[in-house]
Amino acid sequence: MSSLTIPPLKEDLIRVLIDADTIQRRVSELARQINRDYADVDKIVVVGVLKGSFIFAADLCRALEVNHSVDFIALSSYGSTAKATGNVRLIMDVRENLADKHVLIVEDILDSGYTLDYLKRNFETRKPASLKTIALLNKQDRRVVDITLDYMGFDIPDVWVVGYGLDYAEQYRTLPYIAEMRPVG
């Protein structure tokens, strides 16, 4: 992983954990793996978890060669705090019927596991043909719920990260890299 210089306007960021080129290479590798795994499937439904996964989901979908549709779901597990509460709330559901379809849930980050556990249990009740998960970032040290990813981009340390879809107070989502942010408060 790279440690590029942070532009002066980003003084509350400590360092770049994963630079843009490294992210794009990994997204391409993940897409190739998904293409192989779903080669014999007519179509998959890619479900991005808003808002954090939107950039990752877009880049991943552009790199996919398998037939796919895209849908989104929005959940909240943080409320007004920076810590996961364990109470996951559905804000916006998918529009597509997932019954008998091959579903790939796209998350920005897996930390406590509350959100992805909720989503998997929720989607399993909809009787998909298959259900797999992918997260760009894996923060294993924060795991509360025992959950395993089918595809994973990068393991990261237990630090607050922003960029490439991840935010702090709706800022930094559009940075092309993943950066560590100074602790707040």
C-alpha atoms as a PDB file:
ATOM      1  CA  MET A   1       0.000   0.000   0.000  1.00  0.00           C
ATOM      2  CA  SER A   2       1.159   3.485  -0.779  1.00  0.00           C
ATOM      3  CA  SER A   3       1.687   6.430   1.527  1.00  0.00           C
ATOM      4  CA  LEU A   4       1.279   9.343  -0.865  1.00  0.00           C
ATOM      5  CA  THR A   5       1.286  12.924   0.311  1.00  0.00           C
ATOM      6  CA  ILE A   6      -2.108  14.318   1.295  1.00  0.00           C
ATOM      7  CA  PRO A   7      -2.919  17.668  -0.374  1.00  0.00           C
ATOM      8  CA  PRO A   8      -2.780  20.579   2.113  1.00  0.00           C
ATOM      9  CA  LEU A   9      -6.557  21.153   1.907  1.00  0.00           C
ATOM     10  CA  LYS A  10      -7.056  17.744   3.494  1.00  0.00           C
ATOM     11  CA  GLU A  11      -5.327  18.565   6.796  1.00  0.00           C
ATOM     12  CA  ASP A  12      -7.582  16.284   8.842  1.00  0.00           C
ATOM     13  CA  LEU A  13      -6.327  13.281   6.872  1.00  0.00           C
ATOM     14  CA  ILE A  14      -3.248  11.473   8.146  1.00  0.00           C
ATOM     15  CA  ARG A  15      -2.129   9.377   5.185  1.00  0.00           C
ATOM     16  CA  VAL A  16      -3.243   7.549   2.080  1.00  0.00           C
ATOM     17  CA  LEU A  17      -3.749   3.895   2.947  1.00  0.00           C
ATOM     18  CA  ILE A  18      -4.597   2.695  -0.560  1.00  0.00           C
ATOM     19  CA  ASP A  19      -3.865   4.809  -3.634  1.00  0.00           C
ATOM     20  CA  ALA A  20      -6.173   5.094  -6.645  1.00  0.00           C
ATOM     21  CA  ASP A  21      -4.083   2.877  -8.947  1.00  0.00           C
ATOM     22  CA  THR A  22      -3.944   0.079  -6.371  1.00  0.00           C
ATOM     23  CA  ILE A  23      -7.719   0.282  -5.907  1.00  0.00           C
ATOM     24  CA  GLN A  24      -8.348   0.067  -9.655  1.00  0.00           C
ATOM     25  CA  ARG A  25      -6.019  -2.918 -10.050  1.00  0.00           C
ATOM     26  CA  ARG A  26      -7.800  -4.748  -7.226  1.00  0.00           C
ATOM     27  CA  VAL A  27     -11.266  -3.932  -8.614  1.00  0.00           C
ATOM     28  CA  SER A  28     -10.170  -5.412 -11.962  1.00  0.00           C
ATOM     29  CA  GLU A  29      -8.875  -8.557 -10.223  1.00  0.00           C
ATOM     30  CA  LEU A  30     -12.142  -8.947  -8.304  1.00  0.00           C
ATOM     31  CA  ALA A  31     -14.182  -8.494 -11.489  1.00  0.00           C
ATOM     32  CA  ARG A  32     -12.149 -11.210 -13.241  1.00  0.00           C
ATOM     33  CA  GLN A  33     -12.776 -13.572 -10.318  1.00  0.00           C
ATOM     34  CA  ILE A  34     -16.522 -12.805 -10.333  1.00  0.00           C
ATOM     35  CA  ASN A  35     -16.627 -13.268 -14.125  1.00  0.00           C
ATOM     36  CA  ARG A  36     -15.092 -16.740 -13.706  1.00  0.00           C
ATOM     37  CA  ASP A  37     -17.354 -17.686 -10.797  1.00  0.00           C
ATOM     38  CA  TYR A  38     -20.531 -16.626 -12.605  1.00  0.00           C
ATOM     39  CA  ALA A  39     -19.520 -17.722 -16.129  1.00  0.00           C
ATOM     40  CA  ASP A  40     -22.317 -20.322 -16.292  1.00  0.00           C
ATOM     41  CA  VAL A  41     -25.030 -18.032 -14.906  1.00  0.00           C
ATOM     42  CA  ASP A  42     -27.466 -16.167 -17.166  1.00  0.00           C
ATOM     43  CA  LYS A  43     -27.463 -13.004 -15.055  1.00  0.00           C
ATOM     44  CA  ILE A  44     -26.531 -11.666 -11.637  1.00  0.00           C
ATOM     45  CA  VAL A  45     -28.118  -8.868  -9.640  1.00  0.00           C
ATOM     46  CA  VAL A  46     -25.487  -6.558  -8.172  1.00  0.00           C
ATOM     47  CA  VAL A  47     -26.880  -4.797  -5.081  1.00  0.00           C
ATOM     48  CA  GLY A  48     -24.852  -1.829  -3.884  1.00  0.00           C
ATOM     49  CA  VAL A  49     -25.273  -0.707  -0.286  1.00  0.00           C
ATOM     50  CA  LEU A  50     -25.715   3.083  -0.275  1.00  0.00           C
ATOM     51  CA  LYS A  51     -24.143   5.432   0.108  1.00  0.00           C
ATOM     52  CA  GLY A  52     -20.649   4.134   0.724  1.00  0.00           C
ATOM     53  CA  SER A  53     -20.423   1.486  -1.990  1.00  0.00           C
ATOM     54  CA  PHE A  54     -21.606   3.577  -4.931  1.00  0.00           C
ATOM     55  CA  ILE A  55     -18.169   4.286  -6.434  1.00  0.00           C
ATOM     56  CA  PHE A  56     -16.878   0.751  -5.816  1.00  0.00           C
ATOM     57  CA  ALA A  57     -20.091  -0.757  -7.226  1.00  0.00           C
ATOM     58  CA  ALA A  58     -19.897   1.442 -10.333  1.00  0.00           C
ATOM     59  CA  ASP A  59     -16.247   0.598 -11.030  1.00  0.00           C
ATOM     60  CA  LEU A  60     -16.863  -3.096 -10.356  1.00  0.00           C
ATOM     61  CA  CYS A  61     -19.906  -3.222 -12.652  1.00  0.00           C
ATOM     62  CA  ARG A  62     -18.014  -1.495 -15.464  1.00  0.00           C
ATOM     63  CA  ALA A  63     -15.345  -4.208 -15.185  1.00  0.00           C
ATOM     64  CA  LEU A  64     -17.827  -7.110 -15.146  1.00  0.00           C
ATOM     65  CA  GLU A  65     -18.321  -9.091 -18.338  1.00  0.00           C
ATOM     66  CA  VAL A  66     -21.090 -11.335 -16.997  1.00  0.00           C
ATOM     67  CA  ASN A  67     -24.633 -10.231 -17.690  1.00  0.00           C
ATOM     68  CA  HIS A  68     -25.830  -8.210 -14.698  1.00  0.00           C
ATOM     69  CA  SER A  69     -28.340  -5.678 -13.472  1.00  0.00           C
ATOM     70  CA  VAL A  70     -27.712  -3.129 -10.747  1.00  0.00           C
ATOM     71  CA  ASP A  71     -29.898  -2.228  -7.796  1.00  0.00           C
ATOM     72  CA  PHE A  72     -29.305  -0.398  -4.531  1.00  0.00           C
ATOM     73  CA  ILE A  73     -30.344  -0.652  -0.911  1.00  0.00           C
ATOM     74  CA  ALA A  74     -29.819   1.873   1.877  1.00  0.00           C
ATOM     75  CA  LEU A  75     -29.379   0.968   5.521  1.00  0.00           C
ATOM     76  CA  SER A  76     -28.242   2.693   8.666  1.00  0.00           C
ATOM     77  CA  SER A  77     -26.425   1.123  11.579  1.00  0.00           C
ATOM     78  CA  TYR A  78     -24.517   4.132  12.880  1.00  0.00           C
ATOM     79  CA  GLY A  79     -27.265   6.632  13.606  1.00  0.00           C
ATOM     80  CA  SER A  80     -25.690   9.924  14.688  1.00  0.00           C
ATOM     81  CA  THR A  81     -22.595   8.322  16.215  1.00  0.00           C
ATOM     82  CA  ALA A  82     -19.353   7.037  14.748  1.00  0.00           C
ATOM     83  CA  LYS A  83     -19.890   3.610  16.340  1.00  0.00           C
ATOM     84  CA  ALA A  84     -22.103   0.827  15.066  1.00  0.00           C
ATOM     85  CA  THR A  85     -25.035   0.279  17.383  1.00  0.00           C
ATOM     86  CA  GLY A  86     -26.114  -3.137  16.170  1.00  0.00           C
ATOM     87  CA  ASN A  87     -29.537  -1.732  15.302  1.00  0.00           C
ATOM     88  CA  VAL A  88     -29.741  -1.836  11.520  1.00  0.00           C
ATOM     89  CA  ARG A  89     -32.515   0.156   9.909  1.00  0.00           C
ATOM     90  CA  LEU A  90     -33.751  -0.278   6.332  1.00  0.00           C
ATOM     91  CA  ILE A  91     -34.005   3.133   4.666  1.00  0.00           C
ATOM     92  CA  MET A  92     -34.516   2.110   1.021  1.00  0.00           C
ATOM     93  CA  ASP A  93     -35.149  -1.383  -0.333  1.00  0.00           C
ATOM     94  CA  VAL A  94     -34.163  -2.881  -3.689  1.00  0.00           C
ATOM     95  CA  ARG A  95     -36.690  -2.583  -6.473  1.00  0.00           C
ATOM     96  CA  GLU A  96     -35.922  -5.895  -8.150  1.00  0.00           C
ATOM     97  CA  ASN A  97     -37.519  -9.152  -7.028  1.00  0.00           C
ATOM     98  CA  LEU A  98     -34.577 -11.289  -5.865  1.00  0.00           C
ATOM     99  CA  ALA A  99     -36.364 -14.663  -5.916  1.00  0.00           C
ATOM    100  CA  ASP A 100     -34.460 -17.265  -7.945  1.00  0.00           C
ATOM    101  CA  LYS A 101     -31.769 -14.738  -8.920  1.00  0.00           C
ATOM    102  CA  HIS A 102     -28.035 -14.788  -8.313  1.00  0.00           C
ATOM    103  CA  VAL A 103     -27.393 -11.857  -5.980  1.00  0.00           C
ATOM    104  CA  LEU A 104     -24.077 -10.157  -5.195  1.00  0.00           C
ATOM    105  CA  ILE A 105     -24.166  -7.682  -2.283  1.00  0.00           C
ATOM    106  CA  VAL A 106     -21.560  -4.917  -2.688  1.00  0.00           C
ATOM    107  CA  GLU A 107     -20.375  -3.223   0.516  1.00  0.00           C
ATOM    108  CA  ASP A 108     -17.782  -0.502   0.971  1.00  0.00           C
ATOM    109  CA  ILE A 109     -16.442  -1.818   4.284  1.00  0.00           C
ATOM    110  CA  LEU A 110     -17.008  -4.753   6.589  1.00  0.00           C
ATOM    111  CA  ASP A 111     -16.235  -3.814  10.171  1.00  0.00           C
ATOM    112  CA  SER A 112     -18.626  -4.866  12.974  1.00  0.00           C
ATOM    113  CA  GLY A 113     -20.586  -7.089  10.582  1.00  0.00           C
ATOM    114  CA  TYR A 114     -24.011  -5.904  11.751  1.00  0.00           C
ATOM    115  CA  THR A 115     -25.077  -4.477   8.386  1.00  0.00           C
ATOM    116  CA  LEU A 116     -23.943  -7.368   6.236  1.00  0.00           C
ATOM    117  CA  ASP A 117     -25.387  -9.930   8.660  1.00  0.00           C
ATOM    118  CA  TYR A 118     -28.740  -8.115   8.553  1.00  0.00           C
ATOM    119  CA  LEU A 119     -28.646  -7.943   4.763  1.00  0.00           C
ATOM    120  CA  LYS A 120     -27.774 -11.594   4.294  1.00  0.00           C
ATOM    121  CA  ARG A 121     -30.556 -12.725   6.633  1.00  0.00           C
ATOM    122  CA  ASN A 122     -33.022 -10.341   4.958  1.00  0.00           C
ATOM    123  CA  PHE A 123     -32.100 -11.413   1.424  1.00  0.00           C
ATOM    124  CA  GLU A 124     -32.145 -15.124   2.270  1.00  0.00           C
ATOM    125  CA  THR A 125     -35.850 -14.792   3.128  1.00  0.00           C
ATOM    126  CA  ARG A 126     -36.398 -13.632  -0.473  1.00  0.00           C
ATOM    127  CA  LYS A 127     -35.175 -17.016  -1.788  1.00  0.00           C
ATOM    128  CA  PRO A 128     -32.402 -16.019  -4.212  1.00  0.00           C
ATOM    129  CA  ALA A 129     -30.788 -18.737  -6.341  1.00  0.00           C
ATOM    130  CA  SER A 130     -27.479 -17.759  -4.731  1.00  0.00           C
ATOM    131  CA  LEU A 131     -26.226 -15.003  -2.452  1.00  0.00           C
ATOM    132  CA  LYS A 132     -22.636 -13.787  -2.309  1.00  0.00           C
ATOM    133  CA  THR A 133     -20.938 -10.808  -0.720  1.00  0.00           C
ATOM    134  CA  ILE A 134     -18.089  -8.495  -1.631  1.00  0.00           C
ATOM    135  CA  ALA A 135     -16.547  -5.635   0.323  1.00  0.00           C
ATOM    136  CA  LEU A 136     -13.779  -3.331  -0.772  1.00  0.00           C
ATOM    137  CA  LEU A 137     -12.405  -3.058   2.774  1.00  0.00           C
ATOM    138  CA  ASN A 138     -12.264  -5.536   5.634  1.00  0.00           C
ATOM    139  CA  LYS A 139     -11.628  -4.273   9.152  1.00  0.00           C
ATOM    140  CA  GLN A 140     -11.315  -7.638  10.927  1.00  0.00           C
ATOM    141  CA  ASP A 141     -10.298  -6.127  14.295  1.00  0.00           C
ATOM    142  CA  ARG A 142     -13.761  -4.528  14.641  1.00  0.00           C
ATOM    143  CA  ARG A 143     -15.772  -7.669  13.918  1.00  0.00           C
ATOM    144  CA  VAL A 144     -18.608  -8.345  16.365  1.00  0.00           C
ATOM    145  CA  VAL A 145     -20.698 -10.659  14.174  1.00  0.00           C
ATOM    146  CA  ASP A 146     -19.121 -13.805  12.730  1.00  0.00           C
ATOM    147  CA  ILE A 147     -19.412 -13.218   8.993  1.00  0.00           C
ATOM    148  CA  THR A 148     -17.262 -14.195   6.033  1.00  0.00           C
ATOM    149  CA  LEU A 149     -16.973 -12.433   2.697  1.00  0.00           C
ATOM    150  CA  ASP A 150     -16.993 -14.245  -0.625  1.00  0.00           C
ATOM    151  CA  TYR A 151     -14.814 -11.534  -2.212  1.00  0.00           C
ATOM    152  CA  MET A 152     -12.669  -8.958  -0.474  1.00  0.00           C
ATOM    153  CA  GLY A 153     -10.545  -6.064  -1.668  1.00  0.00           C
ATOM    154  CA  PHE A 154      -8.200  -5.113   1.160  1.00  0.00           C
ATOM    155  CA  ASP A 155      -7.653  -5.803   4.839  1.00  0.00           C
ATOM    156  CA  ILE A 156      -7.143  -2.549   6.727  1.00  0.00           C
ATOM    157  CA  PRO A 157      -6.266  -1.648  10.318  1.00  0.00           C
ATOM    158  CA  ASP A 158      -8.815  -0.341  12.825  1.00  0.00           C
ATOM    159  CA  VAL A 159      -8.654   3.318  11.769  1.00  0.00           C
ATOM    160  CA  TRP A 160     -11.326   5.686  10.425  1.00  0.00           C
ATOM    161  CA  VAL A 161     -11.088   5.790   6.630  1.00  0.00           C
ATOM    162  CA  VAL A 162     -12.581   8.045   3.986  1.00  0.00           C
ATOM    163  CA  GLY A 163     -12.519   8.276   0.217  1.00  0.00           C
ATOM    164  CA  TYR A 164     -13.678   6.142  -2.695  1.00  0.00           C
ATOM    165  CA  GLY A 165     -17.266   6.332  -1.429  1.00  0.00           C
ATOM    166  CA  LEU A 166     -16.586   6.339   2.320  1.00  0.00           C
ATOM    167  CA  ASP A 167     -17.307   9.547   4.166  1.00  0.00           C
ATOM    168  CA  TYR A 168     -17.122  11.457   7.372  1.00  0.00           C
ATOM    169  CA  ALA A 169     -20.159  13.745   7.819  1.00  0.00           C
ATOM    170  CA  GLU A 170     -20.852  13.451   4.062  1.00  0.00           C
ATOM    171  CA  GLN A 171     -17.357  14.716   3.171  1.00  0.00           C
ATOM    172  CA  TYR A 172     -14.486  13.011   1.301  1.00  0.00           C
ATOM    173  CA  ARG A 173     -16.632  10.444  -0.574  1.00  0.00           C
ATOM    174  CA  THR A 174     -15.211  11.429  -3.954  1.00  0.00           C
ATOM    175  CA  LEU A 175     -11.516  11.175  -3.100  1.00  0.00           C
ATOM    176  CA  PRO A 176      -9.973   8.700  -5.569  1.00  0.00           C
ATOM    177  CA  TYR A 177      -8.035   6.941  -2.791  1.00  0.00           C
ATOM    178  CA  ILE A 178      -8.654   5.553   0.721  1.00  0.00           C
ATOM    179  CA  ALA A 179      -7.178   7.767   3.442  1.00  0.00           C
ATOM    180  CA  GLU A 180      -6.874   7.494   7.181  1.00  0.00           C
ATOM    181  CA  MET A 181      -8.604  10.338   8.957  1.00  0.00           C
ATOM    182  CA  ARG A 182      -7.516  11.893  12.248  1.00  0.00           C
ATOM    183  CA  PRO A 183      -9.677  10.748  15.177  1.00  0.00           C
ATOM    184  CA  VAL A 184     -12.633  13.049  15.703  1.00  0.00           C
ATOM    185  CA  GLY A 185     -13.448  14.476  19.114  1.00  0.00           C
END
